[in-house]
Protein backbone atom coordinates (compact mmCIF):
# COMPACT_ATOMS: atom_id res chain seq x y z
CA UNK A 1 11.17 28.78 15.76
CA UNK A 2 13.67 26.62 13.89
CA UNK A 3 13.01 22.93 14.57
CA UNK A 4 15.04 19.90 13.49
CA UNK A 5 13.53 16.43 13.68
CA UNK A 6 15.95 13.50 13.49
CA UNK A 7 14.42 10.45 11.79
CA UNK A 8 15.66 7.02 10.76
CA UNK A 9 14.83 4.44 8.14
CA UNK A 10 14.53 0.97 9.69
CA UNK A 11 13.96 -2.53 8.23
CA UNK A 12 10.31 -3.44 7.69
CA UNK A 13 10.84 -7.15 8.24
CA UNK A 14 11.56 -9.74 10.89
CA UNK A 15 13.97 -11.44 8.49
CA UNK A 16 16.93 -9.28 9.48
CA UNK A 17 20.22 -10.14 7.81
CA UNK A 18 23.59 -9.47 9.42
CA UNK A 19 26.89 -8.83 7.64
CA UNK A 20 29.11 -11.65 9.02
CA UNK A 21 32.23 -9.52 8.59
CA UNK A 22 31.10 -6.38 10.44
CA UNK A 23 28.16 -7.79 12.47
CA UNK A 24 26.05 -4.82 11.31
CA UNK A 25 22.62 -4.85 9.67
CA UNK A 26 22.45 -5.36 5.91
CA UNK A 27 20.08 -2.64 4.74
CA UNK A 28 20.51 -2.84 0.98
CA UNK A 29 17.69 -4.72 -0.70
CA UNK A 30 15.54 -4.81 2.46
CA UNK A 31 12.13 -3.12 2.55
CA UNK A 32 12.31 -0.18 4.93
CA UNK A 33 9.96 2.19 6.75
CA UNK A 34 10.10 5.35 8.82
CA UNK A 35 10.96 4.42 12.41
CA UNK A 36 7.52 4.46 14.11
CA UNK A 37 8.65 6.52 17.11
CA UNK A 38 9.96 9.20 14.75
CA UNK A 39 6.49 9.82 13.33
CA UNK A 40 5.48 11.17 16.76
CA UNK A 41 8.54 13.44 16.77
CA UNK A 42 7.58 14.74 13.32
CA UNK A 43 4.00 15.42 14.40
CA UNK A 44 5.14 17.31 17.49
CA UNK A 45 7.59 19.41 15.48
CA UNK A 46 4.94 20.34 12.92
CA UNK A 47 2.38 21.10 15.66
CA UNK A 48 4.81 23.46 17.42
CA UNK A 49 5.58 25.17 14.09
CA UNK A 50 1.87 25.67 13.45
CA UNK A 51 1.55 27.33 16.86
CA UNK A 52 4.65 29.53 16.87
CA UNK A 53 5.67 29.76 13.23
CA UNK A 54 9.09 28.92 11.84
CA UNK A 55 10.39 25.88 9.96
CA UNK A 56 10.74 22.15 10.50
CA UNK A 57 13.68 20.35 8.93
CA UNK A 58 13.82 16.55 8.88
CA UNK A 59 17.30 15.04 8.84
CA UNK A 60 18.45 11.45 8.54
CA UNK A 61 21.76 9.61 8.27
CA UNK A 62 21.68 6.58 6.04
CA UNK A 63 22.12 5.15 2.54
CA UNK A 64 20.68 6.91 -0.55
CA UNK A 65 17.41 4.96 -0.22
CA UNK A 66 16.72 6.83 3.06
CA UNK A 67 15.63 9.79 0.93
CA UNK A 68 12.20 8.12 0.85
CA UNK A 69 11.47 8.83 4.53
CA UNK A 70 12.51 12.47 4.10
CA UNK A 71 9.87 12.84 1.39
CA UNK A 72 7.40 11.14 3.72
CA UNK A 73 8.31 13.69 6.42
CA UNK A 74 7.69 16.56 3.98
CA UNK A 75 4.30 15.07 3.07
CA UNK A 76 3.46 15.19 6.80
CA UNK A 77 4.22 18.91 7.08
CA UNK A 78 8.01 19.33 7.28
CA UNK A 79 9.45 22.17 5.21
CA UNK A 80 12.56 20.38 3.99
CA UNK A 81 14.67 17.27 4.38
CA UNK A 82 18.41 16.67 4.49
CA UNK A 83 20.11 13.34 3.82
CA UNK A 84 23.48 12.73 5.50
CA UNK A 85 25.03 9.93 3.46
CA UNK A 86 28.57 8.76 2.82
CA UNK A 87 30.44 5.46 2.96
CA UNK A 88 32.53 7.03 5.73
CA UNK A 89 29.43 6.99 7.98
CA UNK A 90 28.69 3.27 7.47
CA UNK A 91 28.77 0.93 10.48
CA UNK A 92 28.43 3.75 13.01
CA UNK A 93 27.35 2.92 16.55
CA UNK A 94 25.25 5.35 18.59
CA UNK A 95 28.26 7.47 19.57
CA UNK A 96 29.48 7.93 16.00
CA UNK A 97 25.92 8.42 14.74
CA UNK A 98 25.08 11.11 17.29
CA UNK A 99 28.40 12.86 16.57
CA UNK A 100 27.71 12.94 12.84
CA UNK A 101 24.14 14.16 13.26
CA UNK A 102 25.26 16.82 15.74
CA UNK A 103 27.74 18.17 13.19
CA UNK A 104 25.03 18.19 10.52
CA UNK A 105 22.66 20.10 12.82
CA UNK A 106 25.44 22.58 13.58
CA UNK A 107 25.77 23.12 9.83
CA UNK A 108 22.06 23.96 9.65
CA UNK A 109 22.63 26.58 12.37
CA UNK A 110 20.36 28.62 14.67
CA UNK A 111 18.31 25.60 15.76
CA UNK A 112 15.90 26.12 18.67
CA UNK A 113 14.49 22.62 19.09
CA UNK A 114 15.86 19.19 18.20
CA UNK A 115 13.23 16.45 18.45
CA UNK A 116 13.83 12.69 18.22
CA UNK A 117 11.70 9.62 18.74
CA UNK A 118 12.67 7.94 22.00
CA UNK A 119 14.42 5.06 20.20
CA UNK A 120 14.71 3.18 16.91
CA UNK A 121 13.03 -0.22 16.64
CA UNK A 122 16.09 -1.82 15.04
CA UNK A 123 18.47 -0.92 17.87
CA UNK A 124 16.29 0.01 20.87
CA UNK A 125 19.15 1.88 22.55
CA UNK A 126 17.49 5.31 23.06
CA UNK A 127 21.00 6.80 22.98
CA UNK A 128 21.25 8.86 19.78
CA UNK A 129 19.05 11.78 20.87
CA UNK A 130 20.82 12.27 24.21
CA UNK A 131 24.15 11.78 22.42
CA UNK A 132 23.37 14.66 20.07
CA UNK A 133 22.66 16.88 23.08
CA UNK A 134 25.99 15.96 24.68
CA UNK A 135 27.97 16.61 21.48
CA UNK A 136 26.26 20.00 21.07
CA UNK A 137 26.42 20.87 24.79
CA UNK A 138 22.64 21.34 24.96
CA UNK A 139 20.13 20.60 27.73
CA UNK A 140 17.82 17.67 27.10
CA UNK A 141 14.45 16.31 28.22
CA UNK A 142 13.77 12.69 27.31
CA UNK A 143 10.70 10.42 27.20
CA UNK A 144 8.27 13.34 26.84
CA UNK A 145 4.61 12.32 26.92
CA UNK A 146 3.15 15.84 26.70
CA UNK A 147 4.27 19.38 25.91
CA UNK A 148 2.41 21.66 28.32
CA UNK A 149 3.83 24.96 27.16
CA UNK A 150 6.31 26.16 24.58
CA UNK A 151 7.50 29.69 23.81
CA UNK A 152 10.46 31.20 22.02
CA UNK A 153 12.43 30.99 25.29
CA UNK A 154 11.30 27.89 27.18
CA UNK A 155 9.41 24.60 27.06
CA UNK A 156 7.49 22.81 29.83
CA UNK A 157 6.99 19.07 29.40
CA UNK A 158 5.71 15.98 31.15
CA UNK A 159 8.51 13.41 31.26
CA UNK A 160 7.26 9.83 31.51
CA UNK A 161 8.61 7.81 34.42
CA UNK A 162 7.95 4.34 35.85
CA UNK A 163 5.72 5.85 38.54
CA UNK A 164 3.89 8.47 36.46
CA UNK A 165 5.50 11.63 35.15
CA UNK A 166 7.68 14.58 36.13
CA UNK A 167 7.00 18.16 35.03
CA UNK A 168 10.24 19.56 33.61
CA UNK A 169 11.03 23.04 32.28
CA UNK A 170 13.94 23.70 29.94
CA UNK A 171 15.43 26.71 28.21
CA UNK A 172 15.84 26.81 24.44
CA UNK A 173 17.80 25.67 22.50
CA UNK A 174 17.15 22.14 23.73
CA UNK A 175 16.97 18.50 22.61
CA UNK A 176 13.81 16.44 23.22
CA UNK A 177 12.89 12.78 22.78
CA UNK A 178 9.22 11.82 22.68
CA UNK A 179 7.15 8.70 23.38
CA UNK A 180 4.10 7.55 21.42
CA UNK A 181 1.66 8.87 24.04
CA UNK A 182 2.46 12.46 23.05
CA UNK A 183 0.18 12.76 20.01
CA UNK A 184 -1.50 11.06 17.06
CA UNK A 185 0.56 11.56 13.86
CA UNK A 186 -1.41 13.06 10.99
CA UNK A 187 -1.80 11.40 7.62
CA UNK A 188 -0.02 13.01 4.66
CA UNK A 189 -2.19 15.57 2.89
CA UNK A 190 -2.58 15.83 -0.89
CA UNK A 191 -0.74 19.16 -0.81
CA UNK A 192 1.97 17.56 1.32
CA UNK A 193 2.37 14.66 -1.10
CA UNK A 194 2.73 17.07 -4.02
CA UNK A 195 5.32 19.12 -2.11
CA UNK A 196 7.23 15.94 -1.20
CA UNK A 197 7.31 14.79 -4.81
CA UNK A 198 8.74 18.11 -6.01
CA UNK A 199 11.15 18.66 -3.10
CA UNK A 200 14.88 18.74 -3.71
CA UNK A 201 16.64 16.69 -1.03
CA UNK A 202 20.26 17.76 -0.54
CA UNK A 203 22.80 15.07 0.34
CA UNK A 204 25.58 16.03 2.73
CA UNK A 205 28.72 13.92 2.61
CA UNK A 206 31.78 13.87 4.84
CA UNK A 207 33.22 16.72 2.77
CA UNK A 208 30.26 18.95 3.66
CA UNK A 209 30.64 18.63 7.43
CA UNK A 210 33.22 19.97 9.85
CA UNK A 211 34.06 16.56 11.32
CA UNK A 212 37.01 14.58 12.60
CA UNK A 213 37.09 11.58 10.24
CA UNK A 214 38.45 9.09 12.85
CA UNK A 215 35.24 9.66 14.86
CA UNK A 216 32.98 8.52 12.00
CA UNK A 217 31.50 5.20 10.98
CA UNK A 218 32.87 1.85 12.03
CA UNK A 219 36.32 3.29 12.78
CA UNK A 220 34.86 5.85 15.18
CA UNK A 221 32.63 3.36 16.99
CA UNK A 222 34.00 2.17 20.36
CA UNK A 223 31.26 -0.46 20.67
CA UNK A 224 30.71 -3.41 18.36
CA UNK A 225 28.69 -6.59 18.12
CA UNK A 226 30.75 -9.59 19.23
CA UNK A 227 28.18 -12.27 18.37
CA UNK A 228 24.77 -12.45 16.72
CA UNK A 229 22.32 -15.32 17.18
CA UNK A 230 18.59 -16.01 17.19
CA UNK A 231 16.96 -16.74 20.55
CA UNK A 232 15.75 -20.32 21.04
CA UNK A 233 12.17 -20.99 20.00
CA UNK A 234 9.66 -21.01 22.81
CA UNK A 235 7.90 -24.26 23.60
CA UNK A 236 4.14 -24.52 23.34
CA UNK A 237 3.68 -24.79 27.10
CA UNK A 238 1.15 -27.02 28.82
CA UNK A 239 -2.65 -26.92 28.80
CA UNK A 240 -4.72 -28.16 31.72
CA UNK A 241 -8.38 -29.05 31.23
CA UNK A 242 -11.12 -30.28 33.54
CA UNK A 243 -12.95 -29.06 36.61
CA UNK A 244 -11.32 -26.18 38.55
CA UNK A 245 -10.15 -28.46 41.37
CA UNK A 246 -8.64 -30.93 38.87
CA UNK A 247 -6.88 -28.16 36.93
CA UNK A 248 -5.36 -26.68 40.10
CA UNK A 249 -4.17 -30.11 41.28
CA UNK A 250 -2.64 -30.92 37.87
CA UNK A 251 -0.92 -27.53 37.70
CA UNK A 252 0.54 -27.82 41.22
CA UNK A 253 1.85 -31.30 40.45
CA UNK A 254 3.49 -30.12 37.20
CA UNK A 255 5.00 -27.11 38.93
CA UNK A 256 6.54 -29.27 41.66
CA UNK A 257 7.91 -31.76 39.14
CA UNK A 258 9.57 -28.91 37.24
CA UNK A 259 10.85 -27.39 40.50
CA UNK A 260 8.90 -24.16 39.92
CA UNK A 261 7.64 -24.34 43.49
CA UNK A 262 8.81 -26.14 46.63
């Protein structure tokens, strides 16, 4: 079973800075972490490998500093990590990102499972995983909360919905996105930390991939940010004190004055 887990390095701060020229995140010089949802994808990939055998490869697209999360993935049980990094990839939206990652996964070859966290906390689009499946012409199951069964040929999952869950079966190869309910990520082991420290992380650039350059990065992104602004600060609200009858009367009066009720 050859498994690829797509992970992302995201800013570990609420003080997000935006490039005023491109309206994209400034990542250089900002403390970063492994996208939390991706830790669940890593755990599920390693758990499936432990059951069926095979390999787990973590892959990320980002600046050179993103190598850190690949070493973290190896410390958690992945066999290897691959960094996809080139100035040509900078400023990519979800379409360009999923295209680039799909081409990198195709370069790995013979992949049975592609697993992603349901979304990244810096973008919250939940589009990259499904985009990879479309570019690679693969079936997909998204928002998985439990893997019921997995073999070399098929996988049976519970897909989270607003009303509960659906049971979905898919044939391999397939792309999956997982939610945090699926498992509890393990802590890095001492052996894993030693392996991560010694691991050689290859960097694939635009010259290493069979890609159409106009579909990469900012140039290949059909969506862009038109305006960036901080939401207005919330007011402190109102506090009503006294006996229950007095509080209700005061609240109803305030609500009517503010036209919250008729």
